Amino acid sequence: MQLSFLPCTPFGVIRILEYYGVTLKGKHAVVISKSLAVGKPLTNMLLAKEATVTVCHRETKDLSFLTRQADIICTATGKEGL
């Protein structure tokens, strides 16, 4: 038997989306964070739910263009205004 643990913040994001009935399959999600604690696990969880995911960070060019294309936006940068 193999036990695995999911990071709590990304897991919480998925649970909230499920609670409100947000369908992830086929949606375009933009994740603004590449951190090991939130961004990457959340990206993988969204991919597992068959969402198309774009990962952005502070060096991403034209972030506003990418976010306007998104059905779902998740940000965890800790930086105001990003």
Protein backbone atom coordinates (compact mmCIF):
# COMPACT_ATOMS: atom_id res chain seq x y z
CA MET A 1 0.00 0.00 0.00
CA GLN A 2 1.35 3.39 -1.01
CA LEU A 3 0.23 6.52 0.80
CA SER A 4 0.53 9.91 -0.79
CA PHE A 5 -0.19 13.36 0.52
CA LEU A 6 -1.38 16.33 -1.49
CA PRO A 7 -0.24 19.86 -0.65
CA CYS A 8 -3.07 21.49 1.29
CA THR A 9 -3.41 24.80 -0.58
CA PRO A 10 -3.66 23.34 -4.11
CA PHE A 11 -5.94 20.58 -2.81
CA GLY A 12 -8.12 23.26 -1.20
CA VAL A 13 -8.37 25.12 -4.50
CA ILE A 14 -9.56 21.97 -6.26
CA ARG A 15 -12.06 21.25 -3.48
CA ILE A 16 -13.48 24.79 -3.65
CA LEU A 17 -13.88 24.55 -7.43
CA GLU A 18 -15.63 21.18 -7.03
CA TYR A 19 -17.86 22.52 -4.23
CA TYR A 20 -19.12 25.31 -6.50
CA GLY A 21 -19.64 22.91 -9.40
CA VAL A 22 -16.93 24.34 -11.64
CA THR A 23 -16.25 21.91 -14.48
CA LEU A 24 -12.52 21.67 -15.10
CA LYS A 25 -12.50 19.26 -18.04
CA GLY A 26 -11.73 21.18 -21.22
CA LYS A 27 -11.35 24.55 -19.47
CA HIS A 28 -8.32 26.80 -19.88
CA ALA A 29 -6.78 27.48 -16.48
CA VAL A 30 -4.02 30.02 -15.93
CA VAL A 31 -1.89 29.39 -12.83
CA ILE A 32 0.19 32.39 -11.80
CA SER A 33 2.83 30.69 -9.69
CA LYS A 34 5.64 28.26 -10.42
CA SER A 35 6.39 27.42 -6.79
CA LEU A 36 6.96 23.88 -5.61
CA ALA A 37 4.46 24.36 -2.78
CA VAL A 38 1.47 25.69 -4.75
CA GLY A 39 2.01 26.41 -8.45
CA LYS A 40 3.39 23.11 -9.69
CA PRO A 41 1.14 20.85 -7.59
CA LEU A 42 -1.93 22.89 -8.59
CA THR A 43 -0.92 22.68 -12.24
CA ASN A 44 -0.64 18.89 -11.99
CA MET A 45 -3.99 18.59 -10.18
CA LEU A 46 -5.71 20.70 -12.86
CA LEU A 47 -4.10 18.61 -15.59
CA ALA A 48 -5.31 15.45 -13.85
CA LYS A 49 -8.85 16.90 -14.08
CA GLU A 50 -8.26 17.38 -17.85
CA ALA A 51 -7.99 21.16 -17.83
CA THR A 52 -5.60 22.89 -20.22
CA VAL A 53 -3.11 24.78 -18.06
CA THR A 54 -0.85 27.75 -18.76
CA VAL A 55 1.74 28.49 -16.06
CA CYS A 56 2.78 32.12 -15.61
CA HIS A 57 5.18 33.92 -13.27
CA ARG A 58 6.67 37.35 -12.72
CA GLU A 59 8.73 37.16 -15.93
CA THR A 60 5.78 36.17 -18.14
CA LYS A 61 5.33 38.59 -21.02
CA ASP A 62 1.85 40.06 -21.53
CA LEU A 63 0.26 38.42 -18.51
CA SER A 64 -2.94 40.39 -19.10
CA PHE A 65 -3.38 38.77 -22.54
CA LEU A 66 -3.03 35.28 -21.09
CA THR A 67 -5.43 35.93 -18.22
CA ARG A 68 -8.07 37.31 -20.59
CA GLN A 69 -7.93 33.98 -22.47
CA ALA A 70 -8.52 31.94 -19.29
CA ASP A 71 -11.71 30.34 -18.04
CA ILE A 72 -10.12 29.94 -14.58
CA ILE A 73 -7.34 32.01 -12.99
CA CYS A 74 -5.44 30.84 -9.89
CA THR A 75 -2.74 33.03 -8.43
CA ALA A 76 -0.43 32.36 -5.51
CA THR A 77 2.45 34.77 -5.91
CA GLY A 78 2.41 36.65 -2.64
CA LYS A 79 3.11 39.79 -4.65
CA GLU A 80 0.47 42.49 -4.73
CA GLY A 81 -0.56 43.55 -8.22
CA LEU A 82 1.00 40.66 -10.10
